[in-house]
Structures are given as structure tokens and as C-alpha cells.
Amino acid sequence: MIGDAISHYRKQLGITQKQLSDKTGIEKARVCRTENGKHENMQIESIFRYAEGLEVDPCELIKSHEKYNSPADNRGFLQRVFS
């Protein structure tokens, strides 16, 4: 899931959820929900904000979603993000 990748990269940077929130402008509660897989409707803008805050390419976050989900889940995820 994309939340797993966000958590991984955040920990790799050695920052807290609060610090990621401050870097991205995404509220801390939402960062927590996203990392725990409870935020379903992620907008493309959010992916770019997370990627910038985590200092990674946005494609890395999207690829991580593809790695852990079925092709049908990935199509649904991409349709939600790009609609």
C-alpha cells in the first residue's frame, strides 16, 4: 500500500509524522491514517506533496502500491487518483 511506502520513506529520513505533516502541509491525523491504510481517496496532489516531503520521486510511491496489490486494485487506485 502507498501508506507503507510513506511510512518506510519517512522512517528512512528519520522524521516523525508531525515533521512530515509540517513539510507537506498535510495534517498529522491524515498522515497517520494514510500510513495505516485508512485513507482511501488519495488525490494526485497529495502523492506529489508526500513525495516532495519525503524527497522521493512520486513514481516510487505509486510503484509501492502496485507491488502490494492485485491488478484490479491498482486500476481502481489509479482511476481514483487520476479522476
PDB file of N, CA and C in Angstrom:
ATOM      1  N   MET A   1       0.826  -1.184   0.000  1.00  0.00           N
ATOM      2  CA  MET A   1       0.000   0.000   0.000  1.00  0.00           C
ATOM      3  C   MET A   1       0.871   1.247   0.000  1.00  0.00           C
ATOM      4  N   ILE A   2       0.320   2.295  -0.481  1.00  0.00           N
ATOM      5  CA  ILE A   2       1.065   3.550  -0.546  1.00  0.00           C
ATOM      6  C   ILE A   2       1.424   4.048   0.856  1.00  0.00           C
ATOM      7  N   GLY A   3       0.556   3.771   1.824  1.00  0.00           N
ATOM      8  CA  GLY A   3       0.838   4.165   3.202  1.00  0.00           C
ATOM      9  C   GLY A   3       2.080   3.483   3.755  1.00  0.00           C
ATOM     10  N   ASP A   4       2.296   2.221   3.352  1.00  0.00           N
ATOM     11  CA  ASP A   4       3.501   1.502   3.779  1.00  0.00           C
ATOM     12  C   ASP A   4       4.752   2.190   3.244  1.00  0.00           C
ATOM     13  N   ALA A   5       4.689   2.626   2.000  1.00  0.00           N
ATOM     14  CA  ALA A   5       5.839   3.312   1.396  1.00  0.00           C
ATOM     15  C   ALA A   5       6.077   4.653   2.074  1.00  0.00           C
ATOM     16  N   ILE A   6       5.015   5.376   2.371  1.00  0.00           N
ATOM     17  CA  ILE A   6       5.155   6.670   3.041  1.00  0.00           C
ATOM     18  C   ILE A   6       5.810   6.472   4.402  1.00  0.00           C
ATOM     19  N   SER A   7       5.339   5.474   5.138  1.00  0.00           N
ATOM     20  CA  SER A   7       5.930   5.170   6.444  1.00  0.00           C
ATOM     21  C   SER A   7       7.404   4.778   6.304  1.00  0.00           C
ATOM     22  N   HIS A   8       7.700   3.926   5.328  1.00  0.00           N
ATOM     23  CA  HIS A   8       9.076   3.475   5.093  1.00  0.00           C
ATOM     24  C   HIS A   8      10.002   4.656   4.803  1.00  0.00           C
ATOM     25  N   TYR A   9       9.627   5.491   3.849  1.00  0.00           N
ATOM     26  CA  TYR A   9      10.483   6.627   3.468  1.00  0.00           C
ATOM     27  C   TYR A   9      10.583   7.655   4.597  1.00  0.00           C
ATOM     28  N   ARG A  10       9.510   7.834   5.345  1.00  0.00           N
ATOM     29  CA  ARG A  10       9.542   8.772   6.472  1.00  0.00           C
ATOM     30  C   ARG A  10      10.537   8.290   7.527  1.00  0.00           C
ATOM     31  N   LYS A  11      10.471   7.017   7.844  1.00  0.00           N
ATOM     32  CA  LYS A  11      11.402   6.451   8.830  1.00  0.00           C
ATOM     33  C   LYS A  11      12.833   6.464   8.313  1.00  0.00           C
ATOM     34  N   GLN A  12      12.985   6.246   7.018  1.00  0.00           N
ATOM     35  CA  GLN A  12      14.313   6.295   6.404  1.00  0.00           C
ATOM     36  C   GLN A  12      14.918   7.692   6.547  1.00  0.00           C
ATOM     37  N   LEU A  13      14.080   8.716   6.453  1.00  0.00           N
ATOM     38  CA  LEU A  13      14.543  10.093   6.638  1.00  0.00           C
ATOM     39  C   LEU A  13      14.765  10.427   8.112  1.00  0.00           C
ATOM     40  N   GLY A  14      14.194   9.596   8.995  1.00  0.00           N
ATOM     41  CA  GLY A  14      14.336   9.843  10.426  1.00  0.00           C
ATOM     42  C   GLY A  14      13.463  10.982  10.930  1.00  0.00           C
ATOM     43  N   ILE A  15      12.275  11.125  10.319  1.00  0.00           N
ATOM     44  CA  ILE A  15      11.368  12.190  10.747  1.00  0.00           C
ATOM     45  C   ILE A  15      10.079  11.591  11.304  1.00  0.00           C
ATOM     46  N   THR A  16       9.399  12.357  12.122  1.00  0.00           N
ATOM     47  CA  THR A  16       8.130  11.933  12.716  1.00  0.00           C
ATOM     48  C   THR A  16       6.977  12.247  11.769  1.00  0.00           C
ATOM     49  N   GLN A  17       5.812  11.706  12.102  1.00  0.00           N
ATOM     50  CA  GLN A  17       4.614  12.050  11.335  1.00  0.00           C
ATOM     51  C   GLN A  17       4.344  13.546  11.415  1.00  0.00           C
ATOM     52  N   LYS A  18       4.580  14.143  12.554  1.00  0.00           N
ATOM     53  CA  LYS A  18       4.377  15.590  12.718  1.00  0.00           C
ATOM     54  C   LYS A  18       5.318  16.365  11.802  1.00  0.00           C
ATOM     55  N   GLN A  19       6.576  15.937  11.750  1.00  0.00           N
ATOM     56  CA  GLN A  19       7.534  16.624  10.881  1.00  0.00           C
ATOM     57  C   GLN A  19       7.149  16.464   9.410  1.00  0.00           C
ATOM     58  N   LEU A  20       6.661  15.289   9.030  1.00  0.00           N
ATOM     59  CA  LEU A  20       6.201  15.094   7.654  1.00  0.00           C
ATOM     60  C   LEU A  20       4.996  15.988   7.390  1.00  0.00           C
ATOM     61  N   SER A  21       4.123  16.081   8.359  1.00  0.00           N
ATOM     62  CA  SER A  21       2.967  16.960   8.240  1.00  0.00           C
ATOM     63  C   SER A  21       3.409  18.404   8.005  1.00  0.00           C
ATOM     64  N   ASP A  22       4.378  18.846   8.769  1.00  0.00           N
ATOM     65  CA  ASP A  22       4.886  20.213   8.626  1.00  0.00           C
ATOM     66  C   ASP A  22       5.531  20.428   7.254  1.00  0.00           C
ATOM     67  N   LYS A  23       6.250  19.422   6.758  1.00  0.00           N
ATOM     68  CA  LYS A  23       6.916  19.539   5.453  1.00  0.00           C
ATOM     69  C   LYS A  23       5.941  19.547   4.286  1.00  0.00           C
ATOM     70  N   THR A  24       4.825  18.815   4.442  1.00  0.00           N
ATOM     71  CA  THR A  24       3.900  18.649   3.318  1.00  0.00           C
ATOM     72  C   THR A  24       2.670  19.542   3.392  1.00  0.00           C
ATOM     73  N   GLY A  25       2.361  20.032   4.593  1.00  0.00           N
ATOM     74  CA  GLY A  25       1.123  20.786   4.772  1.00  0.00           C
ATOM     75  C   GLY A  25      -0.095  19.879   4.878  1.00  0.00           C
ATOM     76  N   ILE A  26       0.142  18.579   5.023  1.00  0.00           N
ATOM     77  CA  ILE A  26      -0.942  17.604   5.203  1.00  0.00           C
ATOM     78  C   ILE A  26      -1.089  17.379   6.705  1.00  0.00           C
ATOM     79  N   GLU A  27      -2.314  17.489   7.213  1.00  0.00           N
ATOM     80  CA  GLU A  27      -2.494  17.391   8.665  1.00  0.00           C
ATOM     81  C   GLU A  27      -1.986  16.050   9.199  1.00  0.00           C
ATOM     82  N   LYS A  28      -1.465  16.093  10.430  1.00  0.00           N
ATOM     83  CA  LYS A  28      -0.847  14.918  11.038  1.00  0.00           C
ATOM     84  C   LYS A  28      -1.808  13.733  11.108  1.00  0.00           C
ATOM     85  N   ALA A  29      -3.061  13.986  11.449  1.00  0.00           N
ATOM     86  CA  ALA A  29      -4.043  12.902  11.536  1.00  0.00           C
ATOM     87  C   ALA A  29      -4.204  12.200  10.195  1.00  0.00           C
ATOM     88  N   ARG A  30      -4.134  12.964   9.123  1.00  0.00           N
ATOM     89  CA  ARG A  30      -4.261  12.368   7.782  1.00  0.00           C
ATOM     90  C   ARG A  30      -3.021  11.561   7.434  1.00  0.00           C
ATOM     91  N   VAL A  31      -1.833  12.056   7.837  1.00  0.00           N
ATOM     92  CA  VAL A  31      -0.603  11.297   7.623  1.00  0.00           C
ATOM     93  C   VAL A  31      -0.726   9.950   8.337  1.00  0.00           C
ATOM     94  N   CYS A  32      -1.189   9.980   9.567  1.00  0.00           N
ATOM     95  CA  CYS A  32      -1.368   8.758  10.358  1.00  0.00           C
ATOM     96  C   CYS A  32      -2.354   7.806   9.678  1.00  0.00           C
ATOM     97  N   ARG A  33      -3.499   8.320   9.243  1.00  0.00           N
ATOM     98  CA  ARG A  33      -4.498   7.480   8.572  1.00  0.00           C
ATOM     99  C   ARG A  33      -3.935   6.882   7.291  1.00  0.00           C
ATOM    100  N   THR A  34      -3.183   7.678   6.537  1.00  0.00           N
ATOM    101  CA  THR A  34      -2.611   7.198   5.288  1.00  0.00           C
ATOM    102  C   THR A  34      -1.622   6.071   5.551  1.00  0.00           C
ATOM    103  N   GLU A  35      -0.740   6.259   6.529  1.00  0.00           N
ATOM    104  CA  GLU A  35       0.243   5.230   6.840  1.00  0.00           C
ATOM    105  C   GLU A  35      -0.424   3.950   7.335  1.00  0.00           C
ATOM    106  N   ASN A  36      -1.568   4.081   7.970  1.00  0.00           N
ATOM    107  CA  ASN A  36      -2.284   2.914   8.491  1.00  0.00           C
ATOM    108  C   ASN A  36      -3.275   2.325   7.493  1.00  0.00           C
ATOM    109  N   GLY A  37      -3.276   2.849   6.262  1.00  0.00           N
ATOM    110  CA  GLY A  37      -4.132   2.304   5.219  1.00  0.00           C
ATOM    111  C   GLY A  37      -5.594   2.676   5.351  1.00  0.00           C
ATOM    112  N   LYS A  38      -5.880   3.728   6.099  1.00  0.00           N
ATOM    113  CA  LYS A  38      -7.271   4.119   6.329  1.00  0.00           C
ATOM    114  C   LYS A  38      -7.698   5.325   5.499  1.00  0.00           C
ATOM    115  N   HIS A  39      -6.825   5.785   4.627  1.00  0.00           N
ATOM    116  CA  HIS A  39      -7.173   6.921   3.770  1.00  0.00           C
ATOM    117  C   HIS A  39      -7.311   6.393   2.349  1.00  0.00           C
ATOM    118  N   GLU A  40      -8.543   6.246   1.896  1.00  0.00           N
ATOM    119  CA  GLU A  40      -8.843   5.585   0.630  1.00  0.00           C
ATOM    120  C   GLU A  40      -8.676   6.475  -0.607  1.00  0.00           C
ATOM    121  N   ASN A  41      -9.163   7.687  -0.549  1.00  0.00           N
ATOM    122  CA  ASN A  41      -9.251   8.514  -1.751  1.00  0.00           C
ATOM    123  C   ASN A  41      -8.108   9.508  -1.835  1.00  0.00           C
ATOM    124  N   MET A  42      -6.931   9.012  -2.143  1.00  0.00           N
ATOM    125  CA  MET A  42      -5.764   9.872  -2.234  1.00  0.00           C
ATOM    126  C   MET A  42      -5.778  10.625  -3.572  1.00  0.00           C
ATOM    127  N   GLN A  43      -5.609  11.915  -3.508  1.00  0.00           N
ATOM    128  CA  GLN A  43      -5.541  12.756  -4.699  1.00  0.00           C
ATOM    129  C   GLN A  43      -4.105  12.787  -5.220  1.00  0.00           C
ATOM    130  N   ILE A  44      -3.945  12.994  -6.504  1.00  0.00           N
ATOM    131  CA  ILE A  44      -2.603  13.051  -7.102  1.00  0.00           C
ATOM    132  C   ILE A  44      -1.778  14.160  -6.450  1.00  0.00           C
ATOM    133  N   GLU A  45      -2.428  15.266  -6.105  1.00  0.00           N
ATOM    134  CA  GLU A  45      -1.729  16.365  -5.438  1.00  0.00           C
ATOM    135  C   GLU A  45      -1.104  15.894  -4.125  1.00  0.00           C
ATOM    136  N   SER A  46      -1.826  15.059  -3.390  1.00  0.00           N
ATOM    137  CA  SER A  46      -1.294  14.541  -2.125  1.00  0.00           C
ATOM    138  C   SER A  46      -0.087  13.653  -2.356  1.00  0.00           C
ATOM    139  N   ILE A  47      -0.138  12.833  -3.396  1.00  0.00           N
ATOM    140  CA  ILE A  47       1.004  11.974  -3.710  1.00  0.00           C
ATOM    141  C   ILE A  47       2.233  12.830  -3.977  1.00  0.00           C
ATOM    142  N   PHE A  48       2.060  13.906  -4.735  1.00  0.00           N
ATOM    143  CA  PHE A  48       3.187  14.792  -5.033  1.00  0.00           C
ATOM    144  C   PHE A  48       3.677  15.509  -3.777  1.00  0.00           C
ATOM    145  N   ARG A  49       2.766  15.895  -2.902  1.00  0.00           N
ATOM    146  CA  ARG A  49       3.168  16.563  -1.652  1.00  0.00           C
ATOM    147  C   ARG A  49       3.930  15.601  -0.751  1.00  0.00           C
ATOM    148  N   TYR A  50       3.425  14.369  -0.628  1.00  0.00           N
ATOM    149  CA  TYR A  50       4.152  13.373   0.166  1.00  0.00           C
ATOM    150  C   TYR A  50       5.532  13.119  -0.442  1.00  0.00           C
ATOM    151  N   ALA A  51       5.584  12.938  -1.739  1.00  0.00           N
ATOM    152  CA  ALA A  51       6.863  12.655  -2.399  1.00  0.00           C
ATOM    153  C   ALA A  51       7.866  13.780  -2.169  1.00  0.00           C
ATOM    154  N   GLU A  52       7.408  15.007  -2.290  1.00  0.00           N
ATOM    155  CA  GLU A  52       8.305  16.140  -2.062  1.00  0.00           C
ATOM    156  C   GLU A  52       8.800  16.153  -0.612  1.00  0.00           C
ATOM    157  N   GLY A  53       7.902  15.956   0.315  1.00  0.00           N
ATOM    158  CA  GLY A  53       8.277  15.947   1.729  1.00  0.00           C
ATOM    159  C   GLY A  53       9.211  14.807   2.084  1.00  0.00           C
ATOM    160  N   LEU A  54       9.058  13.688   1.377  1.00  0.00           N
ATOM    161  CA  LEU A  54       9.881  12.511   1.635  1.00  0.00           C
ATOM    162  C   LEU A  54      11.140  12.466   0.770  1.00  0.00           C
ATOM    163  N   GLU A  55      11.248  13.437  -0.135  1.00  0.00           N
ATOM    164  CA  GLU A  55      12.414  13.545  -1.018  1.00  0.00           C
ATOM    165  C   GLU A  55      12.575  12.306  -1.900  1.00  0.00           C
ATOM    166  N   VAL A  56      11.439  11.855  -2.445  1.00  0.00           N
ATOM    167  CA  VAL A  56      11.442  10.725  -3.375  1.00  0.00           C
ATOM    168  C   VAL A  56      10.627  11.091  -4.603  1.00  0.00           C
ATOM    169  N   ASP A  57      10.827  10.340  -5.651  1.00  0.00           N
ATOM    170  CA  ASP A  57      10.049  10.517  -6.867  1.00  0.00           C
ATOM    171  C   ASP A  57       8.618  10.026  -6.606  1.00  0.00           C
ATOM    172  N   PRO A  58       7.599  10.757  -7.049  1.00  0.00           N
ATOM    173  CA  PRO A  58       6.220  10.310  -6.847  1.00  0.00           C
ATOM    174  C   PRO A  58       5.974   8.897  -7.387  1.00  0.00           C
ATOM    175  N   CYS A  59       6.685   8.538  -8.433  1.00  0.00           N
ATOM    176  CA  CYS A  59       6.520   7.200  -9.015  1.00  0.00           C
ATOM    177  C   CYS A  59       6.881   6.109  -8.015  1.00  0.00           C
ATOM    178  N   GLU A  60       7.803   6.384  -7.108  1.00  0.00           N
ATOM    179  CA  GLU A  60       8.169   5.395  -6.092  1.00  0.00           C
ATOM    180  C   GLU A  60       6.982   5.082  -5.188  1.00  0.00           C
ATOM    181  N   LEU A  61       6.200   6.086  -4.858  1.00  0.00           N
ATOM    182  CA  LEU A  61       5.027   5.864  -4.023  1.00  0.00           C
ATOM    183  C   LEU A  61       3.954   5.080  -4.783  1.00  0.00           C
ATOM    184  N   ILE A  62       3.771   5.409  -6.046  1.00  0.00           N
ATOM    185  CA  ILE A  62       2.777   4.708  -6.856  1.00  0.00           C
ATOM    186  C   ILE A  62       3.225   3.268  -7.101  1.00  0.00           C
ATOM    187  N   LYS A  63       4.516   3.071  -7.385  1.00  0.00           N
ATOM    188  CA  LYS A  63       5.030   1.715  -7.603  1.00  0.00           C
ATOM    189  C   LYS A  63       4.828   0.845  -6.374  1.00  0.00           C
ATOM    190  N   SER A  64       4.980   1.435  -5.212  1.00  0.00           N
ATOM    191  CA  SER A  64       4.819   0.652  -3.986  1.00  0.00           C
ATOM    192  C   SER A  64       3.392   0.135  -3.869  1.00  0.00           C
ATOM    193  N   HIS A  65       2.436   0.924  -4.321  1.00  0.00           N
ATOM    194  CA  HIS A  65       1.050   0.479  -4.294  1.00  0.00           C
ATOM    195  C   HIS A  65       0.887  -0.712  -5.237  1.00  0.00           C
ATOM    196  N   GLU A  66       1.477  -0.631  -6.413  1.00  0.00           N
ATOM    197  CA  GLU A  66       1.378  -1.707  -7.392  1.00  0.00           C
ATOM    198  C   GLU A  66       2.009  -2.997  -6.868  1.00  0.00           C
ATOM    199  N   LYS A  67       3.072  -2.868  -6.104  1.00  0.00           N
ATOM    200  CA  LYS A  67       3.801  -4.024  -5.591  1.00  0.00           C
ATOM    201  C   LYS A  67       2.947  -4.875  -4.660  1.00  0.00           C
ATOM    202  N   TYR A  68       2.088  -4.236  -3.872  1.00  0.00           N
ATOM    203  CA  TYR A  68       1.348  -4.946  -2.835  1.00  0.00           C
ATOM    204  C   TYR A  68      -0.105  -5.251  -3.189  1.00  0.00           C
ATOM    205  N   ASN A  69      -0.563  -4.903  -4.367  1.00  0.00           N
ATOM    206  CA  ASN A  69      -1.975  -5.074  -4.701  1.00  0.00           C
ATOM    207  C   ASN A  69      -2.155  -5.799  -6.016  1.00  0.00           C
ATOM    208  N   SER A  70      -3.355  -6.331  -6.201  1.00  0.00           N
ATOM    209  CA  SER A  70      -3.693  -7.029  -7.436  1.00  0.00           C
ATOM    210  C   SER A  70      -3.858  -6.013  -8.573  1.00  0.00           C
ATOM    211  N   PRO A  71      -3.787  -6.471  -9.813  1.00  0.00           N
ATOM    212  CA  PRO A  71      -4.006  -5.553 -10.945  1.00  0.00           C
ATOM    213  C   PRO A  71      -5.343  -4.827 -10.875  1.00  0.00           C
ATOM    214  N   ALA A  72      -6.401  -5.510 -10.434  1.00  0.00           N
ATOM    215  CA  ALA A  72      -7.715  -4.855 -10.325  1.00  0.00           C
ATOM    216  C   ALA A  72      -7.682  -3.748  -9.286  1.00  0.00           C
ATOM    217  N   ASP A  73      -7.029  -4.001  -8.147  1.00  0.00           N
ATOM    218  CA  ASP A  73      -6.901  -2.965  -7.122  1.00  0.00           C
ATOM    219  C   ASP A  73      -6.110  -1.778  -7.649  1.00  0.00           C
ATOM    220  N   ASN A  74      -5.060  -2.064  -8.412  1.00  0.00           N
ATOM    221  CA  ASN A  74      -4.236  -0.989  -8.960  1.00  0.00           C
ATOM    222  C   ASN A  74      -5.017  -0.134  -9.942  1.00  0.00           C
ATOM    223  N   ARG A  75      -5.827  -0.757 -10.788  1.00  0.00           N
ATOM    224  CA  ARG A  75      -6.643   0.019 -11.733  1.00  0.00           C
ATOM    225  C   ARG A  75      -7.589   0.942 -10.967  1.00  0.00           C
ATOM    226  N   GLY A  76      -8.224   0.408  -9.927  1.00  0.00           N
ATOM    227  CA  GLY A  76      -9.137   1.222  -9.126  1.00  0.00           C
ATOM    228  C   GLY A  76      -8.421   2.372  -8.449  1.00  0.00           C
ATOM    229  N   PHE A  77      -7.230   2.088  -7.914  1.00  0.00           N
ATOM    230  CA  PHE A  77      -6.435   3.125  -7.262  1.00  0.00           C
ATOM    231  C   PHE A  77      -6.069   4.230  -8.256  1.00  0.00           C
ATOM    232  N   LEU A  78      -5.566   3.845  -9.412  1.00  0.00           N
ATOM    233  CA  LEU A  78      -5.166   4.834 -10.407  1.00  0.00           C
ATOM    234  C   LEU A  78      -6.354   5.615 -10.946  1.00  0.00           C
ATOM    235  N   GLN A  79      -7.486   4.964 -11.093  1.00  0.00           N
ATOM    236  CA  GLN A  79      -8.691   5.672 -11.540  1.00  0.00           C
ATOM    237  C   GLN A  79      -9.103   6.721 -10.510  1.00  0.00           C
ATOM    238  N   ARG A  80      -9.021   6.382  -9.214  1.00  0.00           N
ATOM    239  CA  ARG A  80      -9.376   7.347  -8.166  1.00  0.00           C
ATOM    240  C   ARG A  80      -8.394   8.510  -8.160  1.00  0.00           C
ATOM    241  N   VAL A  81      -7.114   8.207  -8.316  1.00  0.00           N
ATOM    242  CA  VAL A  81      -6.088   9.256  -8.251  1.00  0.00           C
ATOM    243  C   VAL A  81      -6.199  10.208  -9.434  1.00  0.00           C
ATOM    244  N   PHE A  82      -6.420   9.664 -10.617  1.00  0.00           N
ATOM    245  CA  PHE A  82      -6.396  10.491 -11.820  1.00  0.00           C
ATOM    246  C   PHE A  82      -7.765  10.946 -12.286  1.00  0.00           C
ATOM    247  N   SER A  83      -8.787  10.756 -11.467  1.00  0.00           N
ATOM    248  CA  SER A  83     -10.122  11.222 -11.895  1.00  0.00           C
ATOM    249  C   SER A  83     -10.417  12.583 -11.279  1.00  0.00           C
TER     250      SER A  83
END
